[in-house]
């Protein structure tokens, strides 16, 4: 017989290798182990008497509740499970769709700034980062910088404010509308309805609206998978000594009637 917890788990796993619902069989091991541990504590510290039938019922009930929590759509129900534990053989589980949402470029005449903020702990050293791309998925601007000590919400707002500033200072502001994407839905909601924002954040919101008052712009929510680059830049910005603002090579038209352009490369550290 196994001499330790790991050994028991391996034996349990092997015994259920041919079961239809193997995942529930494995979950049942932890249900039994946790129930036995709690019963053992009651016996040691509260001098309770061991009732094997009651312990078995608790194991099955706890397993049924865990199954219901993990598979709410497929599980038959706790009461039915307790009445007939063999029902766990009939539960069919499916893997979640792990399809990653892809980042989509903005429409013609627009540029998209993905931004993010990162903080060490709940409140601590913060960094912000962002990437501006056009409708052809060309990178126009990158930035990564420290944002002092802040909470996560403040860092997100700082990142959006920085994006507004950089866009207005760029050559694309005169001919493109701006789309800012942020993976914090709460902050996005504040830009759509500023009256919902806490008083301490309204000043930053006002600064963003003031910076972009002469252009067409909006703030939209996006998924974390679409914001991976901005997230990486934000994390690199934490404790960064020198701010990084990088405008990649681009072609700037010299006038409406000129077909030639000027190659520009700007790197500000």
Protein backbone atom coordinates (compact mmCIF):
# COMPACT_ATOMS: atom_id res chain seq x y z
CA UNK A 1 0.00 0.00 0.00
CA UNK A 2 1.21 3.57 -0.63
CA UNK A 3 3.04 5.19 2.24
CA UNK A 4 2.31 8.85 1.44
CA UNK A 5 -0.26 11.19 -0.11
CA UNK A 6 1.44 11.22 -3.52
CA UNK A 7 1.46 7.45 -3.65
CA UNK A 8 -2.25 7.28 -2.88
CA UNK A 9 -2.98 9.81 -5.61
CA UNK A 10 -0.99 7.87 -8.20
CA UNK A 11 -2.78 4.66 -7.25
CA UNK A 12 -6.17 6.39 -7.42
CA UNK A 13 -5.30 7.87 -10.80
CA UNK A 14 -4.30 4.44 -12.13
CA UNK A 15 -7.49 2.77 -10.87
CA UNK A 16 -9.61 5.29 -12.79
CA UNK A 17 -7.58 5.30 -16.00
CA UNK A 18 -10.33 3.47 -17.93
CA UNK A 19 -13.28 5.40 -16.54
CA UNK A 20 -15.48 7.41 -18.89
CA UNK A 21 -15.31 10.54 -16.73
CA UNK A 22 -11.73 10.33 -15.55
CA UNK A 23 -11.60 14.01 -14.63
CA UNK A 24 -14.39 13.53 -12.08
CA UNK A 25 -12.69 10.44 -10.70
CA UNK A 26 -9.56 12.49 -10.06
CA UNK A 27 -11.62 15.27 -8.48
CA UNK A 28 -13.23 12.72 -6.18
CA UNK A 29 -9.80 11.88 -4.75
CA UNK A 30 -9.40 15.43 -3.47
CA UNK A 31 -12.98 15.45 -2.20
CA UNK A 32 -12.29 12.33 -0.12
CA UNK A 33 -8.88 13.56 1.02
CA UNK A 34 -10.20 16.95 2.11
CA UNK A 35 -13.21 15.44 3.88
CA UNK A 36 -11.02 12.95 5.75
CA UNK A 37 -8.64 15.73 6.76
CA UNK A 38 -11.46 17.86 8.17
CA UNK A 39 -12.88 14.84 10.01
CA UNK A 40 -9.46 14.07 11.42
CA UNK A 41 -9.21 17.67 12.74
CA UNK A 42 -12.60 17.35 14.44
CA UNK A 43 -11.50 14.11 16.10
CA UNK A 44 -8.14 15.50 17.27
CA UNK A 45 -9.14 19.00 18.34
CA UNK A 46 -12.85 18.67 19.12
CA UNK A 47 -12.84 15.06 20.32
CA UNK A 48 -15.59 14.17 17.87
CA UNK A 49 -16.51 10.56 17.26
CA UNK A 50 -15.82 8.96 13.88
CA UNK A 51 -18.98 8.17 11.92
CA UNK A 52 -17.93 6.36 8.76
CA UNK A 53 -21.36 6.53 7.10
CA UNK A 54 -21.61 10.26 7.74
CA UNK A 55 -18.07 10.76 6.43
CA UNK A 56 -18.90 8.92 3.22
CA UNK A 57 -22.02 11.05 2.72
CA UNK A 58 -19.98 14.21 3.22
CA UNK A 59 -17.41 13.04 0.66
CA UNK A 60 -20.11 12.40 -1.96
CA UNK A 61 -21.95 15.64 -1.20
CA UNK A 62 -18.76 17.70 -1.38
CA UNK A 63 -17.85 16.05 -4.68
CA UNK A 64 -21.30 16.81 -6.08
CA UNK A 65 -21.00 20.48 -5.13
CA UNK A 66 -17.54 20.76 -6.68
CA UNK A 67 -18.75 19.10 -9.89
CA UNK A 68 -21.72 21.44 -10.06
CA UNK A 69 -19.41 24.44 -9.69
CA UNK A 70 -16.97 23.23 -12.35
CA UNK A 71 -19.50 21.90 -14.89
CA UNK A 72 -22.73 23.83 -14.24
CA UNK A 73 -24.23 23.05 -17.66
CA UNK A 74 -23.37 19.35 -17.80
CA UNK A 75 -23.87 18.24 -14.20
CA UNK A 76 -27.24 16.66 -13.33
CA UNK A 77 -27.53 18.33 -9.93
CA UNK A 78 -26.34 17.75 -6.36
CA UNK A 79 -29.47 15.97 -5.11
CA UNK A 80 -29.53 13.57 -8.05
CA UNK A 81 -25.84 12.94 -7.62
CA UNK A 82 -26.23 12.06 -3.92
CA UNK A 83 -29.09 9.68 -4.71
CA UNK A 84 -27.14 7.94 -7.47
CA UNK A 85 -23.35 8.61 -7.45
CA UNK A 86 -22.99 6.54 -10.64
CA UNK A 87 -24.33 9.57 -12.50
CA UNK A 88 -20.82 11.04 -12.50
CA UNK A 89 -20.00 8.46 -15.20
CA UNK A 90 -22.52 10.14 -17.47
CA UNK A 91 -21.18 13.66 -17.18
CA UNK A 92 -19.55 14.67 -20.43
CA UNK A 93 -17.09 17.49 -20.23
CA UNK A 94 -15.76 19.50 -23.14
CA UNK A 95 -12.67 21.62 -23.33
CA UNK A 96 -13.21 25.34 -23.34
CA UNK A 97 -12.69 27.14 -26.59
CA UNK A 98 -9.19 28.53 -26.28
CA UNK A 99 -9.33 30.36 -29.59
CA UNK A 100 -7.35 33.53 -29.15
CA UNK A 101 -8.95 36.76 -30.30
CA UNK A 102 -6.73 38.41 -32.88
CA UNK A 103 -5.88 42.08 -32.93
CA UNK A 104 -7.57 43.85 -35.83
CA UNK A 105 -6.08 46.90 -37.56
CA UNK A 106 -8.12 50.12 -37.61
CA UNK A 107 -10.08 51.20 -40.70
CA UNK A 108 -8.50 53.46 -43.30
CA UNK A 109 -8.14 57.00 -42.06
CA UNK A 110 -7.60 55.85 -38.47
CA UNK A 111 -4.75 54.72 -36.26
CA UNK A 112 -5.02 52.51 -33.21
CA UNK A 113 -3.10 52.99 -29.95
CA UNK A 114 -3.05 49.93 -27.68
CA UNK A 115 -2.04 50.95 -24.17
CA UNK A 116 -1.62 49.27 -20.81
CA UNK A 117 -0.43 49.91 -17.28
CA UNK A 118 1.45 47.56 -14.95
CA UNK A 119 1.95 47.78 -11.17
CA UNK A 120 4.02 45.82 -8.68
CA UNK A 121 1.44 44.67 -6.17
CA UNK A 122 -1.84 46.48 -5.47
CA UNK A 123 -0.09 49.84 -5.14
CA UNK A 124 3.56 50.26 -6.00
CA UNK A 125 6.04 51.00 -8.75
CA UNK A 126 4.11 51.40 -11.98
CA UNK A 127 4.96 51.36 -15.65
CA UNK A 128 3.00 52.31 -18.74
CA UNK A 129 3.41 51.31 -22.36
CA UNK A 130 1.73 51.51 -25.71
CA UNK A 131 1.98 50.86 -29.42
CA UNK A 132 0.43 52.89 -32.26
CA UNK A 133 -0.35 51.08 -35.52
CA UNK A 134 -2.08 52.05 -38.74
CA UNK A 135 -4.59 50.22 -40.95
CA UNK A 136 -1.74 48.33 -42.67
CA UNK A 137 -0.54 46.99 -39.30
CA UNK A 138 2.58 49.15 -39.48
CA UNK A 139 4.02 50.20 -36.12
CA UNK A 140 4.25 53.97 -35.86
CA UNK A 141 5.05 54.70 -32.22
CA UNK A 142 6.21 52.72 -29.20
CA UNK A 143 6.53 54.02 -25.67
CA UNK A 144 7.53 52.56 -22.33
CA UNK A 145 8.14 54.59 -19.20
CA UNK A 146 7.94 54.56 -15.43
CA UNK A 147 4.83 56.04 -13.84
CA UNK A 148 5.98 56.41 -10.24
CA UNK A 149 3.96 54.82 -7.46
CA UNK A 150 0.38 54.17 -8.48
CA UNK A 151 -2.48 51.69 -8.37
CA UNK A 152 -3.57 49.67 -11.41
CA UNK A 153 -6.41 52.02 -12.38
CA UNK A 154 -4.23 55.11 -12.23
CA UNK A 155 -1.59 53.39 -14.36
CA UNK A 156 -4.20 52.63 -17.04
CA UNK A 157 -5.27 56.27 -17.08
CA UNK A 158 -1.65 57.47 -17.23
CA UNK A 159 -1.10 55.22 -20.25
CA UNK A 160 -4.13 56.63 -22.06
CA UNK A 161 -3.04 60.20 -21.30
CA UNK A 162 0.43 59.47 -22.67
CA UNK A 163 -1.09 58.01 -25.83
CA UNK A 164 -3.21 61.14 -26.31
CA UNK A 165 -0.17 63.37 -25.90
CA UNK A 166 2.02 61.38 -28.29
CA UNK A 167 -0.68 61.18 -30.94
CA UNK A 168 -1.33 64.93 -30.87
CA UNK A 169 2.42 65.59 -31.18
CA UNK A 170 2.74 63.19 -34.12
CA UNK A 171 2.26 63.90 -37.85
CA UNK A 172 -0.69 61.46 -37.99
CA UNK A 173 -2.98 63.63 -35.86
CA UNK A 174 -3.76 65.97 -38.75
CA UNK A 175 -5.08 63.29 -41.09
CA UNK A 176 -6.26 60.39 -38.93
CA UNK A 177 -8.80 59.70 -36.21
CA UNK A 178 -7.53 57.96 -33.08
CA UNK A 179 -8.73 54.71 -31.52
CA UNK A 180 -7.29 53.91 -28.10
CA UNK A 181 -7.69 50.33 -26.92
CA UNK A 182 -7.45 49.42 -23.23
CA UNK A 183 -8.10 46.08 -21.53
CA UNK A 184 -9.57 47.70 -18.40
CA UNK A 185 -13.32 47.87 -19.05
CA UNK A 186 -13.90 50.08 -16.00
CA UNK A 187 -11.58 52.81 -17.28
CA UNK A 188 -13.15 52.58 -20.74
CA UNK A 189 -16.58 53.07 -19.17
CA UNK A 190 -15.36 56.28 -17.51
CA UNK A 191 -14.38 57.74 -20.87
CA UNK A 192 -17.86 56.97 -22.20
CA UNK A 193 -19.54 58.41 -19.10
CA UNK A 194 -17.15 60.56 -17.09
CA UNK A 195 -19.76 61.20 -14.38
CA UNK A 196 -19.23 57.59 -13.19
CA UNK A 197 -15.52 58.17 -12.54
CA UNK A 198 -14.33 58.80 -8.97
CA UNK A 199 -13.41 62.41 -8.26
CA UNK A 200 -9.71 61.61 -7.86
CA UNK A 201 -9.54 60.39 -11.49
CA UNK A 202 -11.60 63.12 -13.17
CA UNK A 203 -8.61 65.45 -13.56
CA UNK A 204 -6.76 62.87 -15.68
CA UNK A 205 -9.89 62.29 -17.77
CA UNK A 206 -10.22 66.04 -18.34
CA UNK A 207 -6.59 66.25 -19.45
CA UNK A 208 -7.18 63.53 -22.04
CA UNK A 209 -10.29 65.25 -23.41
CA UNK A 210 -8.43 68.55 -23.54
CA UNK A 211 -5.43 67.10 -25.38
CA UNK A 212 -7.63 65.46 -28.02
CA UNK A 213 -10.29 68.14 -28.30
CA UNK A 214 -9.28 68.99 -31.88
CA UNK A 215 -9.39 65.47 -33.28
CA UNK A 216 -11.80 62.58 -33.65
CA UNK A 217 -10.96 59.96 -31.05
CA UNK A 218 -12.49 57.29 -28.83
CA UNK A 219 -11.45 54.81 -26.15
CA UNK A 220 -12.50 51.17 -26.64
CA UNK A 221 -12.21 47.98 -24.61
CA UNK A 222 -10.10 45.11 -25.89
CA UNK A 223 -9.06 41.66 -24.71
CA UNK A 224 -5.78 40.92 -22.95
CA UNK A 225 -4.66 38.75 -25.85
CA UNK A 226 -4.99 41.71 -28.22
CA UNK A 227 -3.10 43.93 -25.78
CA UNK A 228 -0.07 41.69 -25.26
CA UNK A 229 2.48 44.07 -26.79
CA UNK A 230 1.27 47.03 -24.75
CA UNK A 231 1.31 44.88 -21.61
CA UNK A 232 4.93 43.89 -22.27
CA UNK A 233 5.95 47.52 -22.80
CA UNK A 234 4.18 48.55 -19.60
CA UNK A 235 5.97 45.89 -17.55
CA UNK A 236 9.29 46.97 -19.06
CA UNK A 237 8.49 50.50 -17.92
CA UNK A 238 8.40 49.62 -14.24
CA UNK A 239 11.48 51.16 -12.57
CA UNK A 240 12.77 52.28 -15.99
CA UNK A 241 15.40 54.97 -15.44
CA UNK A 242 15.00 56.64 -18.85
CA UNK A 243 11.70 56.95 -20.66
CA UNK A 244 11.51 55.33 -24.08
CA UNK A 245 9.55 56.97 -26.89
CA UNK A 246 10.27 55.49 -30.25
CA UNK A 247 8.86 56.74 -33.54
CA UNK A 248 9.75 54.15 -36.16
CA UNK A 249 10.76 54.92 -39.75
CA UNK A 250 7.87 56.40 -41.70
CA UNK A 251 7.16 58.40 -44.81
CA UNK A 252 5.78 61.87 -44.28
CA UNK A 253 4.13 63.57 -47.29
CA UNK A 254 5.70 66.98 -47.99
CA UNK A 255 2.45 68.42 -49.30
CA UNK A 256 -0.76 67.53 -51.04
CA UNK A 257 0.79 67.97 -54.47
CA UNK A 258 4.09 66.26 -53.80
CA UNK A 259 4.53 62.55 -54.41
CA UNK A 260 7.90 62.25 -52.75
CA UNK A 261 8.46 61.88 -49.05
CA UNK A 262 11.00 62.29 -46.34
CA UNK A 263 12.41 59.36 -44.39
CA UNK A 264 12.28 60.23 -40.71
CA UNK A 265 13.67 58.34 -37.78
CA UNK A 266 13.28 59.75 -34.28
CA UNK A 267 14.39 58.05 -31.10
CA UNK A 268 13.93 59.86 -27.81
CA UNK A 269 15.30 58.19 -24.72
